[in-house]
Protein backbone atom coordinates (compact mmCIF):
# COMPACT_ATOMS: atom_id res chain seq x y z
CA UNK A 1 -13.87 -11.39 -58.09
CA UNK A 2 -12.34 -11.77 -61.53
CA UNK A 3 -8.81 -13.08 -62.03
CA UNK A 4 -6.10 -11.13 -63.81
CA UNK A 5 -5.02 -11.83 -67.38
CA UNK A 6 -1.49 -13.32 -67.78
CA UNK A 7 1.34 -10.87 -68.34
CA UNK A 8 2.70 -10.63 -71.88
CA UNK A 9 6.46 -10.18 -72.23
CA UNK A 10 8.28 -8.17 -74.86
CA UNK A 11 11.66 -9.92 -75.28
CA UNK A 12 14.49 -7.44 -75.66
CA UNK A 13 18.08 -7.93 -76.86
CA UNK A 14 20.42 -8.88 -74.03
CA UNK A 15 23.34 -6.43 -73.94
CA UNK A 16 25.78 -9.03 -72.58
CA UNK A 17 24.64 -11.90 -74.82
CA UNK A 18 27.67 -13.66 -76.30
CA UNK A 19 27.24 -14.97 -79.84
CA UNK A 20 30.13 -17.16 -80.94
CA UNK A 21 30.11 -19.49 -83.94
CA UNK A 22 28.77 -22.30 -81.72
CA UNK A 23 25.88 -20.18 -80.41
CA UNK A 24 25.14 -18.72 -83.85
CA UNK A 25 24.93 -22.17 -85.43
CA UNK A 26 22.47 -23.38 -82.78
CA UNK A 27 20.39 -20.21 -83.12
CA UNK A 28 20.17 -20.39 -86.91
CA UNK A 29 19.09 -24.04 -86.83
CA UNK A 30 16.42 -23.31 -84.23
CA UNK A 31 15.09 -20.32 -86.20
CA UNK A 32 14.82 -22.48 -89.32
CA UNK A 33 12.68 -25.05 -87.50
CA UNK A 34 10.46 -22.34 -86.02
CA UNK A 35 10.05 -20.70 -89.42
CA UNK A 36 8.92 -24.06 -90.78
CA UNK A 37 6.25 -24.17 -88.06
CA UNK A 38 7.87 -26.72 -85.77
CA UNK A 39 8.31 -26.18 -82.01
CA UNK A 40 11.91 -26.21 -80.75
CA UNK A 41 12.98 -28.10 -77.65
CA UNK A 42 16.31 -27.28 -75.98
CA UNK A 43 17.38 -30.27 -73.90
CA UNK A 44 20.45 -30.16 -71.71
CA UNK A 45 21.90 -30.25 -68.22
CA UNK A 46 21.88 -27.28 -65.90
CA UNK A 47 24.16 -24.48 -67.06
CA UNK A 48 24.06 -25.24 -70.79
CA UNK A 49 22.18 -22.05 -71.67
CA UNK A 50 18.73 -23.47 -72.48
CA UNK A 51 16.63 -20.64 -71.05
CA UNK A 52 18.96 -17.90 -72.29
CA UNK A 53 18.79 -19.29 -75.82
CA UNK A 54 15.00 -19.55 -75.57
CA UNK A 55 14.70 -15.85 -74.70
CA UNK A 56 17.20 -14.93 -77.40
CA UNK A 57 15.11 -16.81 -79.98
CA UNK A 58 11.94 -15.12 -78.75
CA UNK A 59 13.61 -11.75 -79.27
CA UNK A 60 14.72 -12.69 -82.80
CA UNK A 61 11.18 -13.76 -83.68
CA UNK A 62 10.06 -10.20 -82.95
CA UNK A 63 6.77 -11.17 -81.31
CA UNK A 64 5.52 -10.71 -77.73
CA UNK A 65 5.90 -13.83 -75.58
CA UNK A 66 4.40 -15.59 -72.59
CA UNK A 67 6.57 -17.50 -70.11
CA UNK A 68 5.49 -20.70 -68.44
CA UNK A 69 7.53 -22.63 -65.84
CA UNK A 70 6.75 -26.33 -65.51
CA UNK A 71 5.15 -27.35 -62.21
CA UNK A 72 3.94 -30.76 -61.04
CA UNK A 73 0.85 -29.12 -59.53
CA UNK A 74 -0.35 -27.87 -62.93
CA UNK A 75 -3.62 -29.16 -64.33
CA UNK A 76 -5.02 -28.54 -67.80
CA UNK A 77 -7.00 -25.55 -66.53
CA UNK A 78 -3.77 -23.94 -65.27
CA UNK A 79 -2.45 -24.04 -68.83
CA UNK A 80 -5.52 -23.07 -70.88
CA UNK A 81 -7.62 -21.12 -68.38
CA UNK A 82 -10.74 -21.54 -66.32
CA UNK A 83 -13.71 -19.95 -64.62
CA UNK A 84 -12.46 -17.22 -62.34
CA UNK A 85 -15.04 -14.92 -60.76
CA UNK A 86 -18.53 -14.14 -61.96
CA UNK A 87 -20.76 -11.47 -63.51
CA UNK A 88 -24.05 -10.43 -61.92
CA UNK A 89 -26.71 -8.76 -64.09
CA UNK A 90 -29.76 -7.34 -62.35
CA UNK A 91 -32.75 -5.69 -64.08
CA UNK A 92 -35.40 -3.83 -62.05
CA UNK A 93 -38.63 -3.08 -63.93
CA UNK A 94 -40.92 -0.40 -62.38
CA UNK A 95 -42.94 0.30 -65.54
CA UNK A 96 -46.15 -0.31 -63.56
CA UNK A 97 -45.98 1.59 -60.30
CA UNK A 98 -47.63 -1.11 -58.21
CA UNK A 99 -45.67 -3.99 -59.79
CA UNK A 100 -41.98 -4.64 -59.12
CA UNK A 101 -40.30 -7.01 -61.52
CA UNK A 102 -36.71 -8.09 -60.82
CA UNK A 103 -34.55 -10.28 -63.06
CA UNK A 104 -31.12 -11.55 -62.03
CA UNK A 105 -28.61 -13.37 -64.19
CA UNK A 106 -25.33 -14.75 -62.79
CA UNK A 107 -22.64 -16.12 -65.11
CA UNK A 108 -19.07 -17.26 -64.50
CA UNK A 109 -16.19 -15.31 -66.02
CA UNK A 110 -13.67 -17.21 -68.13
CA UNK A 111 -10.02 -16.12 -67.90
CA UNK A 112 -7.50 -17.28 -70.51
CA UNK A 113 -4.27 -18.77 -69.25
CA UNK A 114 -0.90 -18.51 -70.99
CA UNK A 115 -1.24 -21.22 -73.64
CA UNK A 116 -4.68 -19.99 -74.73
CA UNK A 117 -3.43 -16.39 -74.79
CA UNK A 118 -0.47 -17.38 -76.99
CA UNK A 119 -2.56 -19.52 -79.35
CA UNK A 120 -5.26 -16.86 -79.72
CA UNK A 121 -2.95 -13.89 -80.35
CA UNK A 122 -0.03 -15.50 -82.16
CA UNK A 123 2.49 -15.03 -79.34
CA UNK A 124 5.67 -16.97 -78.64
CA UNK A 125 5.27 -19.54 -75.87
CA UNK A 126 8.38 -20.18 -73.78
CA UNK A 127 7.68 -23.32 -71.74
CA UNK A 128 10.67 -23.62 -69.40
CA UNK A 129 11.37 -27.05 -67.85
CA UNK A 130 8.14 -28.44 -69.29
CA UNK A 131 8.88 -31.94 -67.96
CA UNK A 132 8.28 -30.66 -64.44
CA UNK A 133 4.58 -30.61 -65.33
CA UNK A 134 2.62 -33.84 -65.37
CA UNK A 135 2.14 -35.41 -68.83
CA UNK A 136 -1.65 -35.38 -68.28
CA UNK A 137 -1.59 -31.58 -68.09
CA UNK A 138 0.66 -31.23 -71.14
CA UNK A 139 -1.63 -33.43 -73.27
CA UNK A 140 -3.54 -30.30 -74.27
CA UNK A 141 -0.51 -29.33 -76.38
CA UNK A 142 -0.79 -32.36 -78.67
CA UNK A 143 -3.53 -30.93 -80.87
CA UNK A 144 -2.02 -27.44 -80.63
CA UNK A 145 1.31 -28.57 -82.10
CA UNK A 146 -0.08 -31.01 -84.68
CA UNK A 147 -3.57 -29.97 -85.81
CA UNK A 148 -3.12 -26.33 -84.73
CA UNK A 149 -6.35 -26.53 -82.73
CA UNK A 150 -6.77 -25.84 -79.01
CA UNK A 151 -9.51 -27.87 -77.39
CA UNK A 152 -11.21 -25.67 -74.76
CA UNK A 153 -13.66 -26.63 -71.99
CA UNK A 154 -17.33 -25.78 -72.49
CA UNK A 155 -17.03 -23.09 -69.83
CA UNK A 156 -14.81 -21.05 -72.15
CA UNK A 157 -17.79 -19.82 -74.14
CA UNK A 158 -19.44 -20.60 -77.44
CA UNK A 159 -16.24 -21.78 -79.15
CA UNK A 160 -15.07 -25.17 -77.92
CA UNK A 161 -12.24 -25.23 -80.44
CA UNK A 162 -9.79 -22.41 -80.98
CA UNK A 163 -7.89 -22.24 -84.26
CA UNK A 164 -4.26 -21.51 -83.40
CA UNK A 165 -2.97 -18.20 -84.78
CA UNK A 166 -0.51 -18.61 -87.71
CA UNK A 167 2.16 -16.61 -85.85
CA UNK A 168 2.08 -18.86 -82.77
CA UNK A 169 5.50 -20.36 -82.00
CA UNK A 170 6.59 -22.58 -79.11
CA UNK A 171 10.01 -23.02 -77.47
CA UNK A 172 10.49 -25.71 -74.83
CA UNK A 173 13.36 -26.48 -72.45
CA UNK A 174 14.05 -29.50 -70.28
CA UNK A 175 16.77 -31.10 -68.19
CA UNK A 176 17.29 -34.82 -68.97
CA UNK A 177 18.93 -35.56 -65.63
CA UNK A 178 17.07 -37.59 -63.04
CA UNK A 179 16.05 -35.46 -60.09
CA UNK A 180 12.98 -34.86 -57.96
CA UNK A 181 9.93 -33.32 -59.56
CA UNK A 182 10.64 -34.32 -63.17
CA UNK A 183 8.35 -36.51 -65.29
CA UNK A 184 9.11 -38.45 -68.42
CA UNK A 185 7.66 -36.63 -71.41
CA UNK A 186 5.13 -38.57 -73.45
CA UNK A 187 6.48 -39.77 -76.80
CA UNK A 188 3.56 -38.18 -78.68
CA UNK A 189 4.59 -34.72 -77.45
CA UNK A 190 8.30 -35.14 -78.15
CA UNK A 191 7.45 -36.42 -81.62
CA UNK A 192 5.80 -33.08 -82.42
CA UNK A 193 8.89 -30.96 -81.66
CA UNK A 194 12.49 -30.73 -82.86
CA UNK A 195 14.88 -31.46 -80.00
CA UNK A 196 18.29 -29.79 -79.96
CA UNK A 197 20.59 -31.32 -77.37
CA UNK A 198 22.86 -28.79 -75.69
CA UNK A 199 26.17 -29.69 -74.10
CA UNK A 200 28.69 -27.52 -72.27
CA UNK A 201 29.93 -24.57 -74.30
CA UNK A 202 33.28 -24.64 -76.08
CA UNK A 203 36.24 -22.67 -74.73
CA UNK A 204 35.60 -19.61 -76.91
CA UNK A 205 31.98 -19.31 -75.78
CA UNK A 206 32.62 -19.93 -72.09
CA UNK A 207 35.48 -17.42 -72.13
CA UNK A 208 33.31 -14.81 -73.84
CA UNK A 209 30.45 -15.34 -71.39
CA UNK A 210 32.75 -15.20 -68.37
CA UNK A 211 34.48 -12.00 -69.52
CA UNK A 212 31.25 -10.31 -70.59
CA UNK A 213 29.33 -10.98 -67.40
CA UNK A 214 32.15 -10.41 -64.89
CA UNK A 215 34.16 -7.50 -66.25
CA UNK A 216 37.43 -9.44 -66.15
CA UNK A 217 39.81 -9.34 -69.08
CA UNK A 218 39.54 -12.06 -71.73
CA UNK A 219 42.94 -13.37 -70.65
CA UNK A 220 41.87 -13.76 -67.01
CA UNK A 221 38.52 -15.22 -68.03
CA UNK A 222 40.30 -17.83 -70.19
CA UNK A 223 42.40 -18.94 -67.20
CA UNK A 224 39.28 -19.52 -65.09
CA UNK A 225 37.55 -21.36 -67.94
CA UNK A 226 40.59 -23.60 -68.41
CA UNK A 227 40.50 -24.56 -64.73
CA UNK A 228 36.79 -25.38 -64.91
CA UNK A 229 37.00 -27.31 -68.18
CA UNK A 230 39.95 -29.39 -67.00
CA UNK A 231 38.13 -30.14 -63.75
CA UNK A 232 35.08 -31.17 -65.82
CA UNK A 233 37.22 -33.61 -67.82
CA UNK A 234 39.19 -34.94 -64.84
CA UNK A 235 36.70 -37.71 -64.04
CA UNK A 236 36.88 -36.86 -60.35
CA UNK A 237 33.64 -34.87 -60.11
CA UNK A 238 30.32 -36.21 -58.91
CA UNK A 239 28.69 -33.40 -60.88
CA UNK A 240 30.35 -31.61 -63.82
CA UNK A 241 30.93 -27.90 -63.13
CA UNK A 242 29.23 -25.55 -65.59
CA UNK A 243 29.78 -22.04 -66.91
CA UNK A 244 27.96 -20.86 -63.79
CA UNK A 245 31.03 -21.95 -61.81
CA UNK A 246 33.18 -19.77 -64.09
CA UNK A 247 30.88 -16.81 -63.47
CA UNK A 248 30.82 -17.29 -59.69
CA UNK A 249 34.61 -17.38 -59.53
CA UNK A 250 35.06 -14.47 -61.96
CA UNK A 251 32.49 -12.14 -60.43
CA UNK A 252 33.65 -12.73 -56.87
CA UNK A 253 37.27 -12.26 -57.90
CA UNK A 254 36.37 -8.97 -59.57
CA UNK A 255 34.33 -7.72 -56.60
CA UNK A 256 37.00 -8.41 -53.96
CA UNK A 257 39.77 -7.06 -56.21
CA UNK A 258 41.74 -10.30 -56.24
CA UNK A 259 44.18 -11.25 -59.00
CA UNK A 260 43.63 -14.30 -61.18
CA UNK A 261 46.87 -15.78 -59.95
CA UNK A 262 48.01 -18.83 -58.04
CA UNK A 263 49.94 -16.45 -55.77
CA UNK A 264 46.79 -14.66 -54.62
CA UNK A 265 45.32 -16.59 -51.67
CA UNK A 266 41.92 -14.94 -52.12
CA UNK A 267 41.60 -16.21 -55.69
CA UNK A 268 42.70 -19.68 -54.65
CA UNK A 269 40.14 -19.75 -51.82
CA UNK A 270 37.34 -18.59 -54.14
CA UNK A 271 38.13 -21.34 -56.67
CA UNK A 272 38.25 -24.01 -53.96
CA UNK A 273 34.96 -22.92 -52.38
CA UNK A 274 32.98 -22.49 -55.59
CA UNK A 275 34.26 -25.41 -57.64
CA UNK A 276 34.33 -27.93 -54.80
CA UNK A 277 30.72 -27.14 -53.90
CA UNK A 278 29.56 -27.18 -57.54
CA UNK A 279 31.33 -30.47 -58.34
CA UNK A 280 30.30 -32.51 -55.31
CA UNK A 281 26.71 -33.65 -55.28
CA UNK A 282 26.87 -35.82 -52.16
CA UNK A 283 29.41 -33.77 -50.27
CA UNK A 284 31.30 -36.71 -48.74
CA UNK A 285 34.58 -35.79 -47.12
CA UNK A 286 36.62 -38.13 -49.32
CA UNK A 287 35.06 -36.74 -52.50
CA UNK A 288 35.52 -33.13 -51.42
CA UNK A 289 39.18 -33.66 -50.57
CA UNK A 290 39.83 -35.28 -53.96
CA UNK A 291 38.12 -32.43 -55.82
CA UNK A 292 39.88 -29.73 -53.80
CA UNK A 293 43.24 -31.36 -54.54
CA UNK A 294 42.42 -31.36 -58.25
CA UNK A 295 41.32 -27.71 -58.21
CA UNK A 296 44.51 -26.75 -56.38
CA UNK A 297 46.62 -28.50 -59.01
CA UNK A 298 44.75 -26.82 -61.86
CA UNK A 299 45.14 -23.36 -60.33
CA UNK A 300 48.92 -23.89 -60.26
CA UNK A 301 48.82 -25.20 -63.85
CA UNK A 302 46.88 -22.33 -65.44
CA UNK A 303 47.64 -19.36 -63.19
């Protein structure tokens, strides 16, 4: 039975995408590198907008895209394709009534995977968290990004080498933090791409994102962002809270109809639950108490 071809995406503009001067600057730099033919690599901690920016870039490029999520179980065949199913050809010859001649021919069916599909048709490759895949599997990208040639197995057909389409573009993302399931990227691959390091957004951007995605007023969103940013800079967190913490607080506050005020116990409880859990990696009692005390102080300060 033959395998299915990978799904091609058509990136669309995101209605709630927030483009401040910080985001616009990053986008313009990335587009310049892509226009020059260089892959772009967004590197940053969780919550710094890597994947969102990658999809935004893909939309601006105006080409269909394929999405690939890094996985330690990937092999080279998972990235470029492989034999999947077979074709059976049978010819029955009854030209002479008393003679039956039968010919059968069985051949495997090659199915392109996402990288081959993108290289062949000039699509945009979005390789999210590519360092989750083993370096051995990602080695196939070396010739793609440098010589613009994809080396295919013999089973792919008559062409062992595929010339990469001129419109092919690649956008990578990765998280530099040490956690399970992440591999160190080989220097040869990183040397072939332009890495843009992303940090937490500035106040204007985080406020815009929080207001846009929660429905709260800009004034209320700014109060929540101020709490989160001060907590991030307090030095008391095991893990720095991100804009996702702002969104969790803002959306929940909006849904339950609470006020962004220190006098509203529901808002205070939401902030304590969300920000304490997001800022404590280990979850020790001493650490949680210290973070909750800090959050409580910041709520009184800003609200």
